[in-house]
Amino acid sequence: MVKVELLKELDNGIRFYSMENEALKLVVVNMGCRIMEILAPDASGKRSDVILGLKNIDDYANDPAYFGAVIGRVANRIGDARFTLNGKTYELYANNGKNHLHGGKEGFDKKIFDVTPLENGLRFHYLSKDGEEGYPGNLNLYVTYTLDDNTFSIHYEADTDADTVVNFTNHLYFNLSNTLEKVTGHSLQINADYIGCVDDTCLATGELLPVKDTPFDFNEMKKIGQDIEADHIQLKNAFGYDHSFVLKGEERQLTLEEPVSGRRLVISTTAPVVQVYTGNFLKDGCIGKAGRVYENREGVALETQLMPNAIHTEENPSVILRKGEKFESTTNYIFETI
């Protein structure tokens, strides 16, 4: 049984909800569908918060890290803040050097979504109007959060009245130790034989790099910090891991473990890649939940999505959503103990 409760509502339409069952508890706000807390049990059964976030709701208005938010219309970077679709070039807002990042000046992370409570979760809706942040088409996005035993699921659905580009994700930062340890001590396993390369602006170039015999091989479980300081141009370009891992196999899956708490997180997804970002630029950002500024590598974002910058690098870009078509994607977060 899942208990869904409205915790409070502010004058500006921001609503806070909790979703709870015997295994997990989440606190969610409809601004950007942000997940503010995930309480999950450790090996002794004690529940603690396993994601990063900010201390006050007002802080999220200027959140450079996109903590726990749904990202759109297009996650990650679009090169030169423009793209061409059906012979027309669309100019976007350059908010990451010369590139467009995570939806632009005011992406979905700052939008107020409509909310419908469900028996086992919450369903959010946002209408992104034609021309918003430079994108074509009126886009309807539906995001559904559900709980089932020890599994939290995110389901994305979208449709448009004109051809457009989309790439949705959630920018959760995990720290299974409740920030008692940095994530370099977490262990990670990813079913992936290739990563997408990035240039020195962290823009995906379209080149795929085989992970074998590189610091990017996580096919066997290893600590995130084991090779993060290795002498590799891709690590230098991103100041750590900030790369898309191309998921393989029928079960597109990855696993994160933290030895002290005994927590394990298994992520399965229908998305083709997961962007692994090791919090390389968290330092000197906003004040975190504990009342202090986070340090670099205090959280790892595991963002299931389409390939970044695909509109420029793929022959048939996976990010194009045609009029009359529907986009769908599901990611499951399964919380276990070791």
C-alpha atoms as a PDB file:
ATOM      1  CA  MET A   1       0.000   0.000   0.000  1.00  0.00           C
ATOM      2  CA  VAL A   2       1.234   3.454  -0.948  1.00  0.00           C
ATOM      3  CA  LYS A   3       0.278   6.547   1.041  1.00  0.00           C
ATOM      4  CA  VAL A   4       0.231   9.726  -1.063  1.00  0.00           C
ATOM      5  CA  GLU A   5      -0.153  12.945   0.886  1.00  0.00           C
ATOM      6  CA  LEU A   6      -0.164  16.670   0.105  1.00  0.00           C
ATOM      7  CA  LEU A   7       2.232  18.139   2.663  1.00  0.00           C
ATOM      8  CA  LYS A   8       1.760  21.844   1.912  1.00  0.00           C
ATOM      9  CA  GLU A   9       0.876  24.304  -0.833  1.00  0.00           C
ATOM     10  CA  LEU A  10       2.410  27.729  -1.341  1.00  0.00           C
ATOM     11  CA  ASP A  11       0.681  30.800  -2.771  1.00  0.00           C
ATOM     12  CA  ASN A  12       2.616  30.518  -6.027  1.00  0.00           C
ATOM     13  CA  GLY A  13       1.178  27.083  -6.802  1.00  0.00           C
ATOM     14  CA  ILE A  14       4.148  25.062  -5.561  1.00  0.00           C
ATOM     15  CA  ARG A  15       2.952  21.863  -3.900  1.00  0.00           C
ATOM     16  CA  PHE A  16       4.878  19.411  -1.761  1.00  0.00           C
ATOM     17  CA  TYR A  17       3.859  15.749  -1.651  1.00  0.00           C
ATOM     18  CA  SER A  18       5.042  12.617   0.091  1.00  0.00           C
ATOM     19  CA  MET A  19       4.855   9.097  -1.333  1.00  0.00           C
ATOM     20  CA  GLU A  20       5.462   6.310   1.155  1.00  0.00           C
ATOM     21  CA  ASN A  21       5.171   2.554   1.551  1.00  0.00           C
ATOM     22  CA  GLU A  22       6.823   0.095   3.924  1.00  0.00           C
ATOM     23  CA  ALA A  23      10.100   0.190   2.007  1.00  0.00           C
ATOM     24  CA  LEU A  24      10.582   3.773   0.769  1.00  0.00           C
ATOM     25  CA  LYS A  25       9.526   7.363   1.318  1.00  0.00           C
ATOM     26  CA  LEU A  26       9.849  10.208  -1.183  1.00  0.00           C
ATOM     27  CA  VAL A  27       9.231  13.932  -0.841  1.00  0.00           C
ATOM     28  CA  VAL A  28       8.409  15.561  -4.164  1.00  0.00           C
ATOM     29  CA  VAL A  29       7.605  19.112  -5.277  1.00  0.00           C
ATOM     30  CA  ASN A  30       5.803  20.037  -8.495  1.00  0.00           C
ATOM     31  CA  MET A  31       8.398  22.661  -9.450  1.00  0.00           C
ATOM     32  CA  GLY A  32      10.360  20.676 -11.994  1.00  0.00           C
ATOM     33  CA  CYS A  33       8.904  17.435 -10.566  1.00  0.00           C
ATOM     34  CA  ARG A  34      11.824  17.674  -8.162  1.00  0.00           C
ATOM     35  CA  ILE A  35      12.529  14.749  -5.902  1.00  0.00           C
ATOM     36  CA  MET A  36      13.710  16.351  -2.682  1.00  0.00           C
ATOM     37  CA  GLU A  37      14.174  13.257  -0.521  1.00  0.00           C
ATOM     38  CA  ILE A  38      14.391   9.505  -0.969  1.00  0.00           C
ATOM     39  CA  LEU A  39      14.472   7.670   2.334  1.00  0.00           C
ATOM     40  CA  ALA A  40      15.779   4.135   1.854  1.00  0.00           C
ATOM     41  CA  PRO A  41      16.832   1.508   4.440  1.00  0.00           C
ATOM     42  CA  ASP A  42      20.420   0.543   5.163  1.00  0.00           C
ATOM     43  CA  ALA A  43      21.518  -2.993   6.039  1.00  0.00           C
ATOM     44  CA  SER A  44      20.213  -2.557   9.603  1.00  0.00           C
ATOM     45  CA  GLY A  45      16.807  -1.333   8.398  1.00  0.00           C
ATOM     46  CA  LYS A  46      17.369   2.353   9.273  1.00  0.00           C
ATOM     47  CA  ARG A  47      15.970   4.719   6.636  1.00  0.00           C
ATOM     48  CA  SER A  48      18.044   7.741   5.608  1.00  0.00           C
ATOM     49  CA  ASP A  49      18.022  10.203   2.742  1.00  0.00           C
ATOM     50  CA  VAL A  50      20.123   8.943  -0.188  1.00  0.00           C
ATOM     51  CA  ILE A  51      19.996  11.948  -2.568  1.00  0.00           C
ATOM     52  CA  LEU A  52      21.521  15.413  -2.568  1.00  0.00           C
ATOM     53  CA  GLY A  53      19.425  18.561  -2.507  1.00  0.00           C
ATOM     54  CA  LEU A  54      19.136  22.112  -1.234  1.00  0.00           C
ATOM     55  CA  LYS A  55      18.100  23.434   2.154  1.00  0.00           C
ATOM     56  CA  ASN A  56      15.310  25.821   1.102  1.00  0.00           C
ATOM     57  CA  ILE A  57      12.800  25.749  -1.754  1.00  0.00           C
ATOM     58  CA  ASP A  58      13.820  29.285  -2.749  1.00  0.00           C
ATOM     59  CA  ASP A  59      17.344  28.033  -3.410  1.00  0.00           C
ATOM     60  CA  TYR A  60      16.098  25.921  -6.326  1.00  0.00           C
ATOM     61  CA  ALA A  61      15.294  29.058  -8.336  1.00  0.00           C
ATOM     62  CA  ASN A  62      19.063  29.447  -8.836  1.00  0.00           C
ATOM     63  CA  ASP A  63      20.145  25.813  -8.664  1.00  0.00           C
ATOM     64  CA  PRO A  64      23.228  25.282 -10.861  1.00  0.00           C
ATOM     65  CA  ALA A  65      23.234  21.527 -10.207  1.00  0.00           C
ATOM     66  CA  TYR A  66      19.579  20.721 -11.145  1.00  0.00           C
ATOM     67  CA  PHE A  67      19.157  18.606  -7.996  1.00  0.00           C
ATOM     68  CA  GLY A  68      16.447  15.963  -8.409  1.00  0.00           C
ATOM     69  CA  ALA A  69      14.712  17.763 -11.280  1.00  0.00           C
ATOM     70  CA  VAL A  70      13.167  16.605 -14.534  1.00  0.00           C
ATOM     71  CA  ILE A  71      15.251  18.032 -17.382  1.00  0.00           C
ATOM     72  CA  GLY A  72      13.802  19.235 -20.692  1.00  0.00           C
ATOM     73  CA  ARG A  73      13.075  19.869 -23.389  1.00  0.00           C
ATOM     74  CA  VAL A  74      16.514  18.456 -24.081  1.00  0.00           C
ATOM     75  CA  ALA A  75      18.883  17.105 -21.441  1.00  0.00           C
ATOM     76  CA  ASN A  76      22.604  17.767 -21.626  1.00  0.00           C
ATOM     77  CA  ARG A  77      24.219  20.029 -24.230  1.00  0.00           C
ATOM     78  CA  ILE A  78      23.278  21.078 -27.747  1.00  0.00           C
ATOM     79  CA  GLY A  79      26.307  22.339 -29.637  1.00  0.00           C
ATOM     80  CA  ASP A  80      26.467  26.039 -30.532  1.00  0.00           C
ATOM     81  CA  ALA A  81      22.977  26.500 -29.024  1.00  0.00           C
ATOM     82  CA  ARG A  82      21.214  25.810 -32.309  1.00  0.00           C
ATOM     83  CA  PHE A  83      19.894  22.965 -34.418  1.00  0.00           C
ATOM     84  CA  THR A  84      18.329  22.461 -37.846  1.00  0.00           C
ATOM     85  CA  LEU A  85      15.107  20.505 -38.286  1.00  0.00           C
ATOM     86  CA  ASN A  86      13.176  20.098 -41.535  1.00  0.00           C
ATOM     87  CA  GLY A  87      15.473  22.650 -43.161  1.00  0.00           C
ATOM     88  CA  LYS A  88      14.861  25.369 -40.556  1.00  0.00           C
ATOM     89  CA  THR A  89      17.455  26.478 -38.005  1.00  0.00           C
ATOM     90  CA  TYR A  90      16.315  27.112 -34.430  1.00  0.00           C
ATOM     91  CA  GLU A  91      18.359  29.367 -32.164  1.00  0.00           C
ATOM     92  CA  LEU A  92      18.509  28.408 -28.481  1.00  0.00           C
ATOM     93  CA  TYR A  93      19.777  30.110 -25.330  1.00  0.00           C
ATOM     94  CA  ALA A  94      23.503  29.596 -24.733  1.00  0.00           C
ATOM     95  CA  ASN A  95      23.761  29.002 -20.977  1.00  0.00           C
ATOM     96  CA  ASN A  96      26.901  26.826 -20.934  1.00  0.00           C
ATOM     97  CA  GLY A  97      29.583  28.742 -22.773  1.00  0.00           C
ATOM     98  CA  LYS A  98      28.583  28.631 -26.427  1.00  0.00           C
ATOM     99  CA  ASN A  99      26.349  25.601 -25.846  1.00  0.00           C
ATOM    100  CA  HIS A 100      22.745  25.124 -24.720  1.00  0.00           C
ATOM    101  CA  LEU A 101      22.399  23.066 -21.511  1.00  0.00           C
ATOM    102  CA  HIS A 102      19.450  21.255 -19.880  1.00  0.00           C
ATOM    103  CA  GLY A 103      16.669  23.189 -21.594  1.00  0.00           C
ATOM    104  CA  GLY A 104      18.123  26.684 -21.529  1.00  0.00           C
ATOM    105  CA  LYS A 105      17.589  29.783 -19.428  1.00  0.00           C
ATOM    106  CA  GLU A 106      14.428  28.431 -17.796  1.00  0.00           C
ATOM    107  CA  GLY A 107      14.150  24.717 -18.455  1.00  0.00           C
ATOM    108  CA  PHE A 108      11.602  22.238 -17.141  1.00  0.00           C
ATOM    109  CA  ASP A 109      13.459  22.139 -13.813  1.00  0.00           C
ATOM    110  CA  LYS A 110      11.929  25.549 -12.986  1.00  0.00           C
ATOM    111  CA  LYS A 111       8.413  24.996 -14.368  1.00  0.00           C
ATOM    112  CA  ILE A 112       5.323  24.412 -12.222  1.00  0.00           C
ATOM    113  CA  PHE A 113       3.704  21.140 -13.268  1.00  0.00           C
ATOM    114  CA  ASP A 114       0.052  20.191 -12.821  1.00  0.00           C
ATOM    115  CA  VAL A 115      -0.318  17.257 -10.414  1.00  0.00           C
ATOM    116  CA  THR A 116      -2.755  14.348 -10.217  1.00  0.00           C
ATOM    117  CA  PRO A 117      -2.438  12.052  -7.175  1.00  0.00           C
ATOM    118  CA  LEU A 118      -2.664   8.332  -7.960  1.00  0.00           C
ATOM    119  CA  GLU A 119      -3.208   5.307  -5.753  1.00  0.00           C
ATOM    120  CA  ASN A 120       0.476   4.436  -5.973  1.00  0.00           C
ATOM    121  CA  GLY A 121       2.109   7.777  -6.802  1.00  0.00           C
ATOM    122  CA  LEU A 122       1.827  11.068  -8.659  1.00  0.00           C
ATOM    123  CA  ARG A 123       1.280  12.076 -12.278  1.00  0.00           C
ATOM    124  CA  PHE A 124       2.641  15.423 -13.469  1.00  0.00           C
ATOM    125  CA  HIS A 125       1.838  17.371 -16.630  1.00  0.00           C
ATOM    126  CA  TYR A 126       3.403  20.405 -18.285  1.00  0.00           C
ATOM    127  CA  LEU A 127       2.541  22.100 -21.581  1.00  0.00           C
ATOM    128  CA  SER A 128       5.620  23.605 -23.165  1.00  0.00           C
ATOM    129  CA  LYS A 129       4.301  26.081 -25.695  1.00  0.00           C
ATOM    130  CA  ASP A 130       5.594  26.540 -29.222  1.00  0.00           C
ATOM    131  CA  GLY A 131       8.683  28.760 -29.174  1.00  0.00           C
ATOM    132  CA  GLU A 132       9.501  28.269 -25.495  1.00  0.00           C
ATOM    133  CA  GLU A 133      13.293  28.504 -25.137  1.00  0.00           C
ATOM    134  CA  GLY A 134      13.433  28.472 -28.954  1.00  0.00           C
ATOM    135  CA  TYR A 135      11.957  25.010 -29.488  1.00  0.00           C
ATOM    136  CA  PRO A 136       9.195  24.355 -32.052  1.00  0.00           C
ATOM    137  CA  GLY A 137       5.815  22.766 -31.313  1.00  0.00           C
ATOM    138  CA  ASN A 138       3.394  22.671 -28.400  1.00  0.00           C
ATOM    139  CA  LEU A 139       4.730  19.787 -26.321  1.00  0.00           C
ATOM    140  CA  ASN A 140       2.768  17.917 -23.671  1.00  0.00           C
ATOM    141  CA  LEU A 141       4.978  16.132 -21.155  1.00  0.00           C
ATOM    142  CA  TYR A 142       3.572  13.675 -18.626  1.00  0.00           C
ATOM    143  CA  VAL A 143       5.835  12.363 -15.849  1.00  0.00           C
ATOM    144  CA  THR A 144       4.551   9.623 -13.555  1.00  0.00           C
ATOM    145  CA  TYR A 145       6.208   8.668 -10.270  1.00  0.00           C
ATOM    146  CA  THR A 146       5.121   5.380  -8.689  1.00  0.00           C
ATOM    147  CA  LEU A 147       6.146   3.158  -5.783  1.00  0.00           C
ATOM    148  CA  ASP A 148       5.928  -0.635  -5.791  1.00  0.00           C
ATOM    149  CA  ASP A 149       7.553  -2.339  -2.816  1.00  0.00           C
ATOM    150  CA  ASN A 150      11.266  -1.367  -2.947  1.00  0.00           C
ATOM    151  CA  THR A 151      11.053   0.097  -6.476  1.00  0.00           C
ATOM    152  CA  PHE A 152      10.581   3.729  -7.435  1.00  0.00           C
ATOM    153  CA  SER A 153       9.690   4.231 -11.110  1.00  0.00           C
ATOM    154  CA  ILE A 154       9.692   7.221 -13.465  1.00  0.00           C
ATOM    155  CA  HIS A 155       7.658   7.053 -16.673  1.00  0.00           C
ATOM    156  CA  TYR A 156       7.869   9.773 -19.313  1.00  0.00           C
ATOM    157  CA  GLU A 157       5.279  10.357 -22.050  1.00  0.00           C
ATOM    158  CA  ALA A 158       5.278  13.207 -24.542  1.00  0.00           C
ATOM    159  CA  ASP A 159       3.442  14.320 -27.686  1.00  0.00           C
ATOM    160  CA  THR A 160       3.711  17.363 -29.929  1.00  0.00           C
ATOM    161  CA  ASP A 161       1.675  19.196 -32.580  1.00  0.00           C
ATOM    162  CA  ALA A 162       4.809  19.934 -34.667  1.00  0.00           C
ATOM    163  CA  ASP A 163       8.107  18.166 -35.222  1.00  0.00           C
ATOM    164  CA  THR A 164      10.493  18.986 -32.374  1.00  0.00           C
ATOM    165  CA  VAL A 165      13.405  17.573 -30.363  1.00  0.00           C
ATOM    166  CA  VAL A 166      13.192  16.032 -26.888  1.00  0.00           C
ATOM    167  CA  ASN A 167      15.455  14.249 -24.425  1.00  0.00           C
ATOM    168  CA  PHE A 168      14.130  13.876 -20.880  1.00  0.00           C
ATOM    169  CA  THR A 169      15.891  12.707 -17.743  1.00  0.00           C
ATOM    170  CA  ASN A 170      15.875  13.199 -13.986  1.00  0.00           C
ATOM    171  CA  HIS A 171      18.956  14.788 -12.444  1.00  0.00           C
ATOM    172  CA  LEU A 172      18.998  12.846  -9.161  1.00  0.00           C
ATOM    173  CA  TYR A 173      22.340  12.845  -7.363  1.00  0.00           C
ATOM    174  CA  PHE A 174      22.787   9.699  -5.296  1.00  0.00           C
ATOM    175  CA  ASN A 175      24.888   9.242  -2.187  1.00  0.00           C
ATOM    176  CA  LEU A 176      23.912   5.985  -0.532  1.00  0.00           C
ATOM    177  CA  SER A 177      25.867   6.854   2.634  1.00  0.00           C
ATOM    178  CA  ASN A 178      23.643   9.879   3.369  1.00  0.00           C
ATOM    179  CA  THR A 179      26.731  12.037   2.527  1.00  0.00           C
ATOM    180  CA  LEU A 180      28.798  10.457   5.304  1.00  0.00           C
ATOM    181  CA  GLU A 181      31.264   9.444   2.585  1.00  0.00           C
ATOM    182  CA  LYS A 182      32.048  10.776  -0.889  1.00  0.00           C
ATOM    183  CA  VAL A 183      30.829   8.722  -3.839  1.00  0.00           C
ATOM    184  CA  THR A 184      34.381   7.830  -4.832  1.00  0.00           C
ATOM    185  CA  GLY A 185      34.020   5.054  -2.250  1.00  0.00           C
ATOM    186  CA  HIS A 186      30.811   3.761  -3.847  1.00  0.00           C
ATOM    187  CA  SER A 187      31.124   0.836  -6.240  1.00  0.00           C
ATOM    188  CA  LEU A 188      29.507   0.939  -9.683  1.00  0.00           C
ATOM    189  CA  GLN A 189      28.756  -1.647 -12.354  1.00  0.00           C
ATOM    190  CA  ILE A 190      27.405  -0.710 -15.801  1.00  0.00           C
ATOM    191  CA  ASN A 191      26.475  -3.018 -18.668  1.00  0.00           C
ATOM    192  CA  ALA A 192      28.181  -0.917 -21.348  1.00  0.00           C
ATOM    193  CA  ASP A 193      30.974  -1.516 -23.870  1.00  0.00           C
ATOM    194  CA  TYR A 194      31.133   2.063 -25.210  1.00  0.00           C
ATOM    195  CA  ILE A 195      30.961   5.633 -23.990  1.00  0.00           C
ATOM    196  CA  GLY A 196      30.206   8.789 -25.901  1.00  0.00           C
ATOM    197  CA  CYS A 197      33.264  11.053 -26.042  1.00  0.00           C
ATOM    198  CA  VAL A 198      33.145  14.734 -25.075  1.00  0.00           C
ATOM    199  CA  ASP A 199      35.278  17.737 -25.996  1.00  0.00           C
ATOM    200  CA  ASP A 200      36.800  20.165 -23.507  1.00  0.00           C
ATOM    201  CA  THR A 201      33.394  21.872 -23.060  1.00  0.00           C
ATOM    202  CA  CYS A 202      31.805  18.506 -22.129  1.00  0.00           C
ATOM    203  CA  LEU A 203      29.869  18.523 -25.416  1.00  0.00           C
ATOM    204  CA  ALA A 204      29.240  15.070 -26.878  1.00  0.00           C
ATOM    205  CA  THR A 205      31.192  14.727 -30.140  1.00  0.00           C
ATOM    206  CA  GLY A 206      29.438  11.661 -31.569  1.00  0.00           C
ATOM    207  CA  GLU A 207      32.583   9.544 -31.303  1.00  0.00           C
ATOM    208  CA  LEU A 208      32.210   6.274 -29.398  1.00  0.00           C
ATOM    209  CA  LEU A 209      35.098   4.951 -27.317  1.00  0.00           C
ATOM    210  CA  PRO A 210      35.369   1.232 -26.427  1.00  0.00           C
ATOM    211  CA  VAL A 211      35.673   1.023 -22.642  1.00  0.00           C
ATOM    212  CA  LYS A 212      37.911  -2.053 -22.582  1.00  0.00           C
ATOM    213  CA  ASP A 213      41.316  -1.293 -21.037  1.00  0.00           C
ATOM    214  CA  THR A 214      40.257   2.267 -20.143  1.00  0.00           C
ATOM    215  CA  PRO A 215      39.137   3.953 -16.894  1.00  0.00           C
ATOM    216  CA  PHE A 216      35.576   3.748 -18.280  1.00  0.00           C
ATOM    217  CA  ASP A 217      35.219  -0.023 -18.003  1.00  0.00           C
ATOM    218  CA  PHE A 218      32.608  -0.670 -15.326  1.00  0.00           C
ATOM    219  CA  ASN A 219      31.424  -4.013 -16.683  1.00  0.00           C
ATOM    220  CA  GLU A 220      32.750  -5.501 -13.461  1.00  0.00           C
ATOM    221  CA  MET A 221      31.903  -3.798 -10.168  1.00  0.00           C
ATOM    222  CA  LYS A 222      34.598  -1.317  -9.125  1.00  0.00           C
ATOM    223  CA  LYS A 223      34.924   1.788  -6.978  1.00  0.00           C
ATOM    224  CA  ILE A 224      34.081   5.052  -8.705  1.00  0.00           C
ATOM    225  CA  GLY A 225      37.294   6.561  -7.382  1.00  0.00           C
ATOM    226  CA  GLN A 226      39.555   3.738  -8.572  1.00  0.00           C
ATOM    227  CA  ASP A 227      40.419   5.313 -11.934  1.00  0.00           C
ATOM    228  CA  ILE A 228      38.846   8.765 -11.734  1.00  0.00           C
ATOM    229  CA  GLU A 229      42.228  10.526 -11.551  1.00  0.00           C
ATOM    230  CA  ALA A 230      43.782   8.455 -14.353  1.00  0.00           C
ATOM    231  CA  ASP A 231      45.747  10.131 -17.140  1.00  0.00           C
ATOM    232  CA  HIS A 232      43.067   9.949 -19.851  1.00  0.00           C
ATOM    233  CA  ILE A 233      42.005  12.797 -22.120  1.00  0.00           C
ATOM    234  CA  GLN A 234      38.307  12.066 -21.618  1.00  0.00           C
ATOM    235  CA  LEU A 235      38.639  12.341 -17.829  1.00  0.00           C
ATOM    236  CA  LYS A 236      40.615  15.551 -18.238  1.00  0.00           C
ATOM    237  CA  ASN A 237      37.999  17.054 -20.582  1.00  0.00           C
ATOM    238  CA  ALA A 238      35.216  16.462 -18.041  1.00  0.00           C
ATOM    239  CA  PHE A 239      37.244  16.800 -14.778  1.00  0.00           C
ATOM    240  CA  GLY A 240      36.071  13.281 -13.921  1.00  0.00           C
ATOM    241  CA  TYR A 241      33.223  11.180 -15.245  1.00  0.00           C
ATOM    242  CA  ASP A 242      30.572  13.095 -17.192  1.00  0.00           C
ATOM    243  CA  HIS A 243      29.922  10.708 -20.048  1.00  0.00           C
ATOM    244  CA  SER A 244      27.141   8.723 -21.659  1.00  0.00           C
ATOM    245  CA  PHE A 245      27.509   4.966 -21.291  1.00  0.00           C
ATOM    246  CA  VAL A 246      25.780   3.052 -24.091  1.00  0.00           C
ATOM    247  CA  LEU A 247      23.765   0.378 -22.310  1.00  0.00           C
ATOM    248  CA  LYS A 248      23.741  -3.141 -23.735  1.00  0.00           C
ATOM    249  CA  GLY A 249      21.680  -6.301 -23.423  1.00  0.00           C
ATOM    250  CA  GLU A 250      17.994  -6.955 -23.022  1.00  0.00           C
ATOM    251  CA  GLU A 251      18.180  -5.582 -19.486  1.00  0.00           C
ATOM    252  CA  ARG A 252      19.719  -2.126 -19.708  1.00  0.00           C
ATOM    253  CA  GLN A 253      20.989  -2.004 -16.187  1.00  0.00           C
ATOM    254  CA  LEU A 254      23.538  -0.575 -13.755  1.00  0.00           C
ATOM    255  CA  THR A 255      24.210  -1.069 -10.051  1.00  0.00           C
ATOM    256  CA  LEU A 256      25.515   1.292  -7.366  1.00  0.00           C
ATOM    257  CA  GLU A 257      26.657   0.024  -3.954  1.00  0.00           C
ATOM    258  CA  GLU A 258      27.940   1.646  -0.758  1.00  0.00           C
ATOM    259  CA  PRO A 259      29.765  -0.751   1.594  1.00  0.00           C
ATOM    260  CA  VAL A 260      29.371   1.006   4.964  1.00  0.00           C
ATOM    261  CA  SER A 261      25.589   1.449   4.838  1.00  0.00           C
ATOM    262  CA  GLY A 262      25.106  -1.786   2.909  1.00  0.00           C
ATOM    263  CA  ARG A 263      22.782  -0.075   0.442  1.00  0.00           C
ATOM    264  CA  ARG A 264      22.509  -1.186  -3.172  1.00  0.00           C
ATOM    265  CA  LEU A 265      20.679   0.650  -5.970  1.00  0.00           C
ATOM    266  CA  VAL A 266      19.839  -1.229  -9.167  1.00  0.00           C
ATOM    267  CA  ILE A 267      18.676   0.930 -12.074  1.00  0.00           C
ATOM    268  CA  SER A 268      16.952  -0.595 -15.093  1.00  0.00           C
ATOM    269  CA  THR A 269      15.724   1.488 -17.997  1.00  0.00           C
ATOM    270  CA  THR A 270      14.299   1.486 -21.488  1.00  0.00           C
ATOM    271  CA  ALA A 271      16.587   4.433 -22.337  1.00  0.00           C
ATOM    272  CA  PRO A 272      19.641   3.652 -24.503  1.00  0.00           C
ATOM    273  CA  VAL A 273      22.280   5.476 -22.442  1.00  0.00           C
ATOM    274  CA  VAL A 274      23.032   6.599 -18.915  1.00  0.00           C
ATOM    275  CA  GLN A 275      24.975   9.802 -18.304  1.00  0.00           C
ATOM    276  CA  VAL A 276      27.300   9.227 -15.344  1.00  0.00           C
ATOM    277  CA  TYR A 277      28.269  12.515 -13.702  1.00  0.00           C
ATOM    278  CA  THR A 278      30.409  12.410 -10.571  1.00  0.00           C
ATOM    279  CA  GLY A 279      29.568  15.877  -9.235  1.00  0.00           C
ATOM    280  CA  ASN A 280      32.761  17.402 -10.635  1.00  0.00           C
ATOM    281  CA  PHE A 281      31.537  20.994 -10.179  1.00  0.00           C
ATOM    282  CA  LEU A 282      29.481  20.870  -6.971  1.00  0.00           C
ATOM    283  CA  LYS A 283      32.043  22.820  -4.943  1.00  0.00           C
ATOM    284  CA  ASP A 284      31.112  26.435  -4.111  1.00  0.00           C
ATOM    285  CA  GLY A 285      27.519  25.886  -5.228  1.00  0.00           C
ATOM    286  CA  CYS A 286      24.328  26.288  -3.206  1.00  0.00           C
ATOM    287  CA  ILE A 287      23.915  25.324   0.445  1.00  0.00           C
ATOM    288  CA  GLY A 288      22.888  21.696   0.804  1.00  0.00           C
ATOM    289  CA  LYS A 289      20.357  20.037   3.085  1.00  0.00           C
ATOM    290  CA  ALA A 290      22.805  19.781   5.957  1.00  0.00           C
ATOM    291  CA  GLY A 291      23.374  23.543   5.926  1.00  0.00           C
ATOM    292  CA  ARG A 292      26.780  23.380   4.278  1.00  0.00           C
ATOM    293  CA  VAL A 293      28.011  23.720   0.708  1.00  0.00           C
ATOM    294  CA  TYR A 294      28.580  20.407  -1.023  1.00  0.00           C
ATOM    295  CA  GLU A 295      32.058  19.362  -2.082  1.00  0.00           C
ATOM    296  CA  ASN A 296      32.944  17.880  -5.449  1.00  0.00           C
ATOM    297  CA  ARG A 297      32.188  14.158  -5.747  1.00  0.00           C
ATOM    298  CA  GLU A 298      29.618  14.120  -2.946  1.00  0.00           C
ATOM    299  CA  GLY A 299      26.989  12.773  -5.319  1.00  0.00           C
ATOM    300  CA  VAL A 300      26.782  10.788  -8.539  1.00  0.00           C
ATOM    301  CA  ALA A 301      24.072  11.525 -11.093  1.00  0.00           C
ATOM    302  CA  LEU A 302      22.943   8.514 -13.131  1.00  0.00           C
ATOM    303  CA  GLU A 303      20.816  10.122 -15.839  1.00  0.00           C
ATOM    304  CA  THR A 304      19.007   7.700 -18.161  1.00  0.00           C
ATOM    305  CA  GLN A 305      18.340   9.408 -21.488  1.00  0.00           C
ATOM    306  CA  LEU A 306      18.956   9.523 -25.228  1.00  0.00           C
ATOM    307  CA  MET A 307      22.436  10.284 -26.546  1.00  0.00           C
ATOM    308  CA  PRO A 308      23.406  13.916 -25.843  1.00  0.00           C
ATOM    309  CA  ASN A 309      23.826  16.288 -28.793  1.00  0.00           C
ATOM    310  CA  ALA A 310      22.248  13.627 -31.008  1.00  0.00           C
ATOM    311  CA  ILE A 311      20.613  16.261 -33.202  1.00  0.00           C
ATOM    312  CA  HIS A 312      24.133  17.117 -34.460  1.00  0.00           C
ATOM    313  CA  THR A 313      25.873  13.740 -34.329  1.00  0.00           C
ATOM    314  CA  GLU A 314      23.384  11.033 -35.368  1.00  0.00           C
ATOM    315  CA  GLU A 315      22.374  10.360 -38.985  1.00  0.00           C
ATOM    316  CA  ASN A 316      18.780   9.748 -37.893  1.00  0.00           C
ATOM    317  CA  PRO A 317      18.637  11.664 -34.606  1.00  0.00           C
ATOM    318  CA  SER A 318      16.873   9.714 -31.873  1.00  0.00           C
ATOM    319  CA  VAL A 319      15.843  12.993 -30.228  1.00  0.00           C
ATOM    320  CA  ILE A 320      13.419  14.028 -32.989  1.00  0.00           C
ATOM    321  CA  LEU A 321       9.775  13.658 -31.951  1.00  0.00           C
ATOM    322  CA  ARG A 322       7.452  13.898 -34.935  1.00  0.00           C
ATOM    323  CA  LYS A 323       3.956  15.333 -34.940  1.00  0.00           C
ATOM    324  CA  GLY A 324       1.468  12.592 -34.121  1.00  0.00           C
ATOM    325  CA  GLU A 325       4.069  10.331 -32.511  1.00  0.00           C
ATOM    326  CA  LYS A 326       4.447   9.595 -28.800  1.00  0.00           C
ATOM    327  CA  PHE A 327       7.674   9.488 -26.805  1.00  0.00           C
ATOM    328  CA  GLU A 328       7.799   7.006 -23.913  1.00  0.00           C
ATOM    329  CA  SER A 329      10.554   5.927 -21.546  1.00  0.00           C
ATOM    330  CA  THR A 330      10.676   4.217 -18.148  1.00  0.00           C
ATOM    331  CA  THR A 331      13.382   3.990 -15.492  1.00  0.00           C
ATOM    332  CA  ASN A 332      13.142   1.844 -12.353  1.00  0.00           C
ATOM    333  CA  TYR A 333      15.190   2.501  -9.209  1.00  0.00           C
ATOM    334  CA  ILE A 334      15.333  -0.648  -7.087  1.00  0.00           C
ATOM    335  CA  PHE A 335      16.662  -0.171  -3.554  1.00  0.00           C
ATOM    336  CA  GLU A 336      18.215  -3.244  -1.937  1.00  0.00           C
ATOM    337  CA  THR A 337      20.767  -4.075   0.720  1.00  0.00           C
ATOM    338  CA  ILE A 338      24.011  -5.954   0.216  1.00  0.00           C
END
